[in-house]
Amino acid sequence: MDSSSIPVMRSPNDLMVNGPNSDNFAASAIQAHPVDRMQRGTKSTSSLDVDSIRRLYGSALAMRLTTERINASNVGGRLPGLDAHPNSNTMLDTLTGDDITIDFGDYLNTRMSRPETGLGENRVVHDVMEAKLGL
């Protein structure tokens, strides 16, 4: 009999981490819950992405992408008075891949929670921008 076909336990079973049935091979064959797979899959941070890009394509592309992300995060959202969320970072969301996800800011955005509502409902964009710049 081939020794590679016999399962060998490399370390003792940790019940607090793995659960009571983790040493059972039938339990290890069961697929994980989709939410658990999604949470484990999104643990990769952008620093790991930049590190892999640096190794594959060189440091120039990694620095360029990092600079582009920093500049996109400094834009500051939309102009005041526009009919959109004031903290919308569409460019940064597109660069990081967050534009394909839906979170609370996407559908719980009401007009009353915006800071422009205190200036009056009938103000145009130019008036709001002049008030913001102090002109």
N, C-alpha and C. Protein backbone atom coordinates (compact mmCIF):
# COMPACT_ATOMS: atom_id res chain seq x y z
N MET A 1 0.84 -1.18 0.00
CA MET A 1 0.00 0.00 0.00
C MET A 1 0.89 1.24 0.00
N ASP A 2 0.51 2.22 -0.78
CA ASP A 2 1.27 3.46 -0.89
C ASP A 2 1.06 4.30 0.36
N SER A 3 2.14 4.85 0.90
CA SER A 3 2.02 5.62 2.15
C SER A 3 1.35 6.97 1.94
N SER A 4 1.33 7.47 0.71
CA SER A 4 0.70 8.77 0.47
C SER A 4 -0.83 8.67 0.45
N SER A 5 -1.38 7.47 0.32
CA SER A 5 -2.84 7.33 0.30
C SER A 5 -3.43 7.26 1.70
N ILE A 6 -2.61 7.06 2.71
CA ILE A 6 -3.10 6.99 4.09
C ILE A 6 -3.05 8.39 4.68
N PRO A 7 -4.18 8.91 5.18
CA PRO A 7 -4.15 10.24 5.79
C PRO A 7 -3.40 10.22 7.11
N VAL A 8 -2.56 11.21 7.31
CA VAL A 8 -1.76 11.31 8.52
C VAL A 8 -2.09 12.63 9.19
N MET A 9 -2.33 12.58 10.51
CA MET A 9 -2.60 13.80 11.25
C MET A 9 -1.26 14.46 11.59
N ARG A 10 -1.07 15.68 11.13
CA ARG A 10 0.20 16.39 11.32
C ARG A 10 0.30 17.05 12.68
N SER A 11 -0.84 17.47 13.23
CA SER A 11 -0.85 18.12 14.54
C SER A 11 -2.13 17.73 15.26
N PRO A 12 -2.17 17.89 16.57
CA PRO A 12 -3.40 17.54 17.29
C PRO A 12 -4.54 18.47 16.92
N ASN A 13 -5.75 17.99 17.06
CA ASN A 13 -6.93 18.75 16.71
C ASN A 13 -7.20 19.81 17.78
N ASP A 14 -7.34 21.05 17.37
CA ASP A 14 -7.67 22.14 18.29
C ASP A 14 -9.17 22.36 18.24
N LEU A 15 -9.87 21.91 19.28
CA LEU A 15 -11.33 21.99 19.29
C LEU A 15 -11.85 23.42 19.34
N MET A 16 -11.12 24.32 20.00
CA MET A 16 -11.60 25.69 20.13
C MET A 16 -11.52 26.45 18.80
N VAL A 17 -10.60 26.09 17.95
CA VAL A 17 -10.43 26.78 16.67
C VAL A 17 -11.22 26.09 15.57
N ASN A 18 -11.12 24.78 15.49
CA ASN A 18 -11.65 24.04 14.35
C ASN A 18 -13.03 23.45 14.59
N GLY A 19 -13.45 23.30 15.83
CA GLY A 19 -14.74 22.69 16.11
C GLY A 19 -14.61 21.22 16.44
N PRO A 20 -15.68 20.62 16.94
CA PRO A 20 -15.59 19.24 17.42
C PRO A 20 -15.45 18.20 16.31
N ASN A 21 -15.91 18.48 15.10
CA ASN A 21 -15.86 17.49 14.03
C ASN A 21 -14.80 17.80 12.99
N SER A 22 -13.81 18.60 13.33
CA SER A 22 -12.83 18.99 12.32
C SER A 22 -11.88 17.85 11.96
N ASP A 23 -11.72 16.88 12.84
CA ASP A 23 -10.84 15.76 12.51
C ASP A 23 -11.55 14.70 11.67
N ASN A 24 -12.85 14.87 11.48
CA ASN A 24 -13.63 13.95 10.66
C ASN A 24 -13.43 14.33 9.19
N PHE A 25 -13.07 13.35 8.36
CA PHE A 25 -12.81 13.64 6.94
C PHE A 25 -14.08 13.99 6.19
N ALA A 26 -15.22 13.49 6.65
CA ALA A 26 -16.49 13.83 6.01
C ALA A 26 -16.82 15.30 6.25
N ALA A 27 -16.49 15.81 7.43
CA ALA A 27 -16.75 17.22 7.74
C ALA A 27 -15.83 18.13 6.93
N SER A 28 -14.62 17.67 6.64
CA SER A 28 -13.71 18.51 5.86
C SER A 28 -14.07 18.52 4.38
N ALA A 29 -14.86 17.55 3.93
CA ALA A 29 -15.27 17.50 2.53
C ALA A 29 -16.45 18.41 2.23
N ILE A 30 -17.17 18.84 3.26
CA ILE A 30 -18.33 19.71 3.08
C ILE A 30 -17.84 21.10 2.68
N GLN A 31 -18.49 21.69 1.71
CA GLN A 31 -18.09 23.02 1.26
C GLN A 31 -18.48 24.06 2.31
N ALA A 32 -17.72 25.13 2.34
CA ALA A 32 -17.99 26.22 3.27
C ALA A 32 -19.20 27.01 2.81
N HIS A 33 -19.79 27.74 3.75
CA HIS A 33 -20.93 28.59 3.44
C HIS A 33 -20.47 29.71 2.50
N PRO A 34 -21.33 30.15 1.58
CA PRO A 34 -20.91 31.19 0.62
C PRO A 34 -20.47 32.49 1.29
N VAL A 35 -21.11 32.87 2.40
CA VAL A 35 -20.71 34.10 3.09
C VAL A 35 -19.32 33.92 3.70
N ASP A 36 -19.05 32.74 4.25
CA ASP A 36 -17.74 32.47 4.82
C ASP A 36 -16.67 32.50 3.73
N ARG A 37 -16.96 31.93 2.58
CA ARG A 37 -16.00 31.98 1.46
C ARG A 37 -15.77 33.41 1.00
N MET A 38 -16.84 34.22 0.97
CA MET A 38 -16.69 35.60 0.53
C MET A 38 -15.85 36.40 1.53
N GLN A 39 -16.07 36.19 2.83
CA GLN A 39 -15.30 36.92 3.83
C GLN A 39 -13.84 36.51 3.82
N ARG A 40 -13.58 35.25 3.62
CA ARG A 40 -12.19 34.79 3.55
C ARG A 40 -11.51 35.27 2.27
N GLY A 41 -12.28 35.41 1.21
CA GLY A 41 -11.72 35.85 -0.06
C GLY A 41 -11.41 37.33 -0.11
N THR A 42 -12.12 38.14 0.67
CA THR A 42 -11.90 39.58 0.65
C THR A 42 -10.86 40.03 1.66
N LYS A 43 -10.18 39.10 2.30
CA LYS A 43 -9.16 39.50 3.26
C LYS A 43 -7.89 39.99 2.58
N SER A 44 -7.78 39.79 1.28
CA SER A 44 -6.60 40.27 0.58
C SER A 44 -6.67 41.79 0.50
N THR A 45 -5.65 42.42 1.00
CA THR A 45 -5.64 43.88 1.04
C THR A 45 -4.95 44.42 -0.20
N SER A 46 -5.07 45.72 -0.38
CA SER A 46 -4.46 46.34 -1.55
C SER A 46 -2.94 46.31 -1.47
N SER A 47 -2.38 46.24 -0.25
CA SER A 47 -0.92 46.17 -0.14
C SER A 47 -0.39 44.87 -0.73
N LEU A 48 -1.16 43.79 -0.56
CA LEU A 48 -0.75 42.53 -1.18
C LEU A 48 -0.86 42.62 -2.70
N ASP A 49 -1.87 43.30 -3.18
CA ASP A 49 -2.02 43.48 -4.62
C ASP A 49 -0.86 44.29 -5.18
N VAL A 50 -0.49 45.36 -4.49
CA VAL A 50 0.62 46.20 -4.95
C VAL A 50 1.92 45.42 -4.90
N ASP A 51 2.08 44.58 -3.87
CA ASP A 51 3.30 43.78 -3.76
C ASP A 51 3.40 42.77 -4.91
N SER A 52 2.29 42.14 -5.25
CA SER A 52 2.33 41.18 -6.37
C SER A 52 2.53 41.90 -7.70
N ILE A 53 1.96 43.09 -7.86
CA ILE A 53 2.19 43.88 -9.08
C ILE A 53 3.65 44.30 -9.16
N ARG A 54 4.24 44.65 -8.02
CA ARG A 54 5.64 45.04 -8.00
C ARG A 54 6.53 43.87 -8.43
N ARG A 55 6.20 42.67 -7.96
CA ARG A 55 7.00 41.51 -8.33
C ARG A 55 6.81 41.12 -9.80
N LEU A 56 5.58 41.25 -10.31
CA LEU A 56 5.31 40.81 -11.68
C LEU A 56 5.73 41.83 -12.73
N TYR A 57 5.40 43.11 -12.50
CA TYR A 57 5.56 44.12 -13.54
C TYR A 57 6.61 45.17 -13.24
N GLY A 58 7.16 45.17 -12.05
CA GLY A 58 8.18 46.14 -11.70
C GLY A 58 7.65 47.22 -10.78
N SER A 59 8.57 47.96 -10.19
CA SER A 59 8.19 48.95 -9.19
C SER A 59 7.58 50.20 -9.81
N ALA A 60 7.85 50.48 -11.08
CA ALA A 60 7.30 51.69 -11.70
C ALA A 60 5.78 51.62 -11.79
N LEU A 61 5.24 50.49 -12.21
CA LEU A 61 3.78 50.35 -12.29
C LEU A 61 3.15 50.37 -10.91
N ALA A 62 3.80 49.74 -9.94
CA ALA A 62 3.27 49.74 -8.58
C ALA A 62 3.22 51.16 -8.01
N MET A 63 4.27 51.94 -8.25
CA MET A 63 4.27 53.33 -7.77
C MET A 63 3.23 54.16 -8.50
N ARG A 64 3.06 53.91 -9.79
CA ARG A 64 2.07 54.67 -10.56
C ARG A 64 0.66 54.38 -10.07
N LEU A 65 0.33 53.10 -9.82
CA LEU A 65 -1.00 52.75 -9.33
C LEU A 65 -1.24 53.28 -7.92
N THR A 66 -0.21 53.24 -7.07
CA THR A 66 -0.34 53.78 -5.72
C THR A 66 -0.57 55.28 -5.75
N THR A 67 0.18 55.99 -6.60
CA THR A 67 0.00 57.43 -6.74
C THR A 67 -1.39 57.76 -7.27
N GLU A 68 -1.88 56.96 -8.21
CA GLU A 68 -3.21 57.18 -8.75
C GLU A 68 -4.29 56.99 -7.68
N ARG A 69 -4.12 55.99 -6.83
CA ARG A 69 -5.08 55.77 -5.74
C ARG A 69 -5.04 56.90 -4.72
N ILE A 70 -3.84 57.39 -4.41
CA ILE A 70 -3.72 58.50 -3.46
C ILE A 70 -4.37 59.76 -4.02
N ASN A 71 -4.12 60.06 -5.29
CA ASN A 71 -4.73 61.23 -5.92
C ASN A 71 -6.24 61.10 -6.01
N ALA A 72 -6.73 59.91 -6.27
CA ALA A 72 -8.18 59.70 -6.34
C ALA A 72 -8.83 59.85 -4.98
N SER A 73 -8.13 59.49 -3.92
CA SER A 73 -8.71 59.65 -2.58
C SER A 73 -8.67 61.10 -2.11
N ASN A 74 -7.82 61.93 -2.70
CA ASN A 74 -7.73 63.34 -2.31
C ASN A 74 -8.68 64.24 -3.09
N VAL A 75 -9.42 63.70 -4.05
CA VAL A 75 -10.31 64.53 -4.86
C VAL A 75 -11.39 65.14 -3.99
N GLY A 76 -11.97 64.40 -3.08
CA GLY A 76 -12.92 64.96 -2.13
C GLY A 76 -14.37 64.83 -2.52
N GLY A 77 -14.70 64.02 -3.46
CA GLY A 77 -16.10 63.79 -3.79
C GLY A 77 -16.61 64.77 -4.83
N ARG A 78 -17.90 64.99 -4.81
CA ARG A 78 -18.56 65.81 -5.81
C ARG A 78 -18.67 67.26 -5.35
N LEU A 79 -19.03 68.11 -6.28
CA LEU A 79 -19.28 69.50 -5.94
C LEU A 79 -20.54 69.60 -5.10
N PRO A 80 -20.61 70.54 -4.19
CA PRO A 80 -21.82 70.66 -3.37
C PRO A 80 -23.01 71.11 -4.20
N GLY A 81 -24.18 70.63 -3.82
CA GLY A 81 -25.40 71.01 -4.51
C GLY A 81 -25.81 70.05 -5.60
N LEU A 82 -24.92 69.20 -6.04
CA LEU A 82 -25.30 68.23 -7.06
C LEU A 82 -26.15 67.14 -6.43
N ASP A 83 -26.99 66.53 -7.22
CA ASP A 83 -27.91 65.54 -6.70
C ASP A 83 -27.21 64.19 -6.60
N ALA A 84 -26.27 64.10 -5.70
CA ALA A 84 -25.56 62.86 -5.44
C ALA A 84 -24.98 62.93 -4.04
N HIS A 85 -24.48 61.83 -3.57
CA HIS A 85 -23.89 61.79 -2.24
C HIS A 85 -22.64 62.66 -2.24
N PRO A 86 -22.46 63.56 -1.28
CA PRO A 86 -21.32 64.47 -1.32
C PRO A 86 -19.98 63.78 -1.13
N ASN A 87 -19.95 62.62 -0.50
CA ASN A 87 -18.70 61.91 -0.29
C ASN A 87 -18.50 60.80 -1.31
N SER A 88 -19.09 60.95 -2.47
CA SER A 88 -18.97 59.92 -3.50
C SER A 88 -17.58 59.97 -4.12
N ASN A 89 -16.86 58.91 -3.98
CA ASN A 89 -15.52 58.80 -4.57
C ASN A 89 -15.58 57.78 -5.69
N THR A 90 -16.18 58.16 -6.79
CA THR A 90 -16.39 57.23 -7.89
C THR A 90 -15.07 56.78 -8.49
N MET A 91 -14.13 57.70 -8.62
CA MET A 91 -12.85 57.33 -9.22
C MET A 91 -12.09 56.34 -8.33
N LEU A 92 -12.08 56.58 -7.03
CA LEU A 92 -11.39 55.68 -6.11
C LEU A 92 -12.10 54.33 -6.05
N ASP A 93 -13.43 54.35 -6.06
CA ASP A 93 -14.18 53.09 -6.06
C ASP A 93 -13.90 52.27 -7.31
N THR A 94 -13.73 52.94 -8.44
CA THR A 94 -13.43 52.23 -9.68
C THR A 94 -12.02 51.64 -9.64
N LEU A 95 -11.08 52.38 -9.08
CA LEU A 95 -9.70 51.88 -9.02
C LEU A 95 -9.56 50.71 -8.06
N THR A 96 -10.27 50.75 -6.94
CA THR A 96 -10.15 49.68 -5.95
C THR A 96 -11.10 48.53 -6.19
N GLY A 97 -12.06 48.69 -7.10
CA GLY A 97 -13.00 47.62 -7.38
C GLY A 97 -14.23 47.65 -6.49
N ASP A 98 -14.41 48.72 -5.72
CA ASP A 98 -15.58 48.83 -4.84
C ASP A 98 -16.82 49.30 -5.57
N ASP A 99 -16.72 49.61 -6.85
CA ASP A 99 -17.89 50.08 -7.59
C ASP A 99 -18.84 48.94 -7.95
N ILE A 100 -18.41 47.71 -7.81
CA ILE A 100 -19.28 46.59 -8.14
C ILE A 100 -19.99 46.03 -6.91
N THR A 101 -19.75 46.63 -5.74
CA THR A 101 -20.42 46.18 -4.52
C THR A 101 -21.47 47.20 -4.11
N ILE A 102 -22.46 46.76 -3.39
CA ILE A 102 -23.52 47.63 -2.88
C ILE A 102 -23.42 47.64 -1.36
N ASP A 103 -23.24 48.83 -0.79
CA ASP A 103 -23.18 48.94 0.66
C ASP A 103 -24.23 49.93 1.13
N PHE A 104 -24.19 50.29 2.42
CA PHE A 104 -25.24 51.11 3.01
C PHE A 104 -25.33 52.50 2.38
N GLY A 105 -24.21 53.08 2.01
CA GLY A 105 -24.23 54.41 1.41
C GLY A 105 -24.89 54.46 0.04
N ASP A 106 -25.01 53.33 -0.60
CA ASP A 106 -25.61 53.30 -1.93
C ASP A 106 -27.13 53.39 -1.90
N TYR A 107 -27.77 52.82 -0.89
CA TYR A 107 -29.24 52.81 -0.90
C TYR A 107 -29.86 53.44 0.33
N LEU A 108 -29.09 53.84 1.32
CA LEU A 108 -29.64 54.56 2.47
C LEU A 108 -29.26 56.03 2.43
N ASN A 109 -29.12 56.56 1.25
CA ASN A 109 -28.70 57.95 1.08
C ASN A 109 -29.94 58.81 0.87
N THR A 110 -30.31 59.57 1.89
CA THR A 110 -31.47 60.45 1.77
C THR A 110 -31.00 61.88 1.62
N ARG A 111 -31.84 62.70 1.01
CA ARG A 111 -31.50 64.10 0.79
C ARG A 111 -31.40 64.88 2.09
N MET A 112 -32.15 64.48 3.10
CA MET A 112 -32.14 65.22 4.37
C MET A 112 -30.84 65.01 5.15
N SER A 113 -30.08 63.98 4.86
CA SER A 113 -28.83 63.74 5.58
C SER A 113 -27.65 64.48 4.97
N ARG A 114 -27.87 65.22 3.92
CA ARG A 114 -26.79 65.94 3.25
C ARG A 114 -26.60 67.32 3.87
N PRO A 115 -25.38 67.81 3.88
CA PRO A 115 -25.14 69.13 4.47
C PRO A 115 -25.70 70.27 3.64
N GLU A 116 -25.98 70.06 2.35
CA GLU A 116 -26.49 71.14 1.50
C GLU A 116 -27.93 71.49 1.82
N THR A 117 -28.66 70.61 2.51
CA THR A 117 -30.07 70.89 2.77
C THR A 117 -30.25 72.05 3.73
N GLY A 118 -29.25 72.34 4.56
CA GLY A 118 -29.36 73.47 5.46
C GLY A 118 -29.26 74.81 4.74
N LEU A 119 -28.78 74.82 3.52
CA LEU A 119 -28.63 76.06 2.76
C LEU A 119 -29.89 76.45 2.02
N GLY A 120 -30.87 75.59 2.00
CA GLY A 120 -32.10 75.88 1.27
C GLY A 120 -32.28 74.95 0.10
N GLU A 121 -33.51 74.63 -0.19
CA GLU A 121 -33.79 73.65 -1.24
C GLU A 121 -33.69 74.24 -2.64
N ASN A 122 -33.88 75.56 -2.80
CA ASN A 122 -33.95 76.16 -4.13
C ASN A 122 -32.62 76.77 -4.57
N ARG A 123 -31.56 76.49 -3.88
CA ARG A 123 -30.28 77.08 -4.25
C ARG A 123 -29.66 76.30 -5.40
N VAL A 124 -29.04 77.02 -6.28
CA VAL A 124 -28.40 76.38 -7.43
C VAL A 124 -26.95 76.06 -7.07
N VAL A 125 -26.30 75.31 -7.92
CA VAL A 125 -24.95 74.84 -7.65
C VAL A 125 -23.97 76.00 -7.50
N HIS A 126 -24.14 77.04 -8.30
CA HIS A 126 -23.21 78.17 -8.24
C HIS A 126 -23.31 78.89 -6.90
N ASP A 127 -24.52 79.06 -6.39
CA ASP A 127 -24.68 79.72 -5.09
C ASP A 127 -24.05 78.90 -3.97
N VAL A 128 -24.23 77.60 -4.03
CA VAL A 128 -23.66 76.74 -3.00
C VAL A 128 -22.15 76.76 -3.06
N MET A 129 -21.58 76.76 -4.26
CA MET A 129 -20.12 76.80 -4.40
C MET A 129 -19.56 78.14 -3.94
N GLU A 130 -20.27 79.24 -4.21
CA GLU A 130 -19.83 80.55 -3.73
C GLU A 130 -19.88 80.61 -2.22
N ALA A 131 -20.90 80.01 -1.61
CA ALA A 131 -20.98 79.98 -0.15
C ALA A 131 -19.87 79.13 0.44
N LYS A 132 -19.52 78.05 -0.24
CA LYS A 132 -18.46 77.18 0.25
C LYS A 132 -17.10 77.87 0.17
N LEU A 133 -16.86 78.60 -0.91
CA LEU A 133 -15.58 79.29 -1.09
C LEU A 133 -15.52 80.64 -0.40
N GLY A 134 -16.65 81.11 0.12
CA GLY A 134 -16.68 82.40 0.81
C GLY A 134 -16.62 83.59 -0.11
N LEU A 135 -17.19 83.48 -1.30
CA LEU A 135 -17.17 84.59 -2.27
C LEU A 135 -18.37 85.48 -2.11
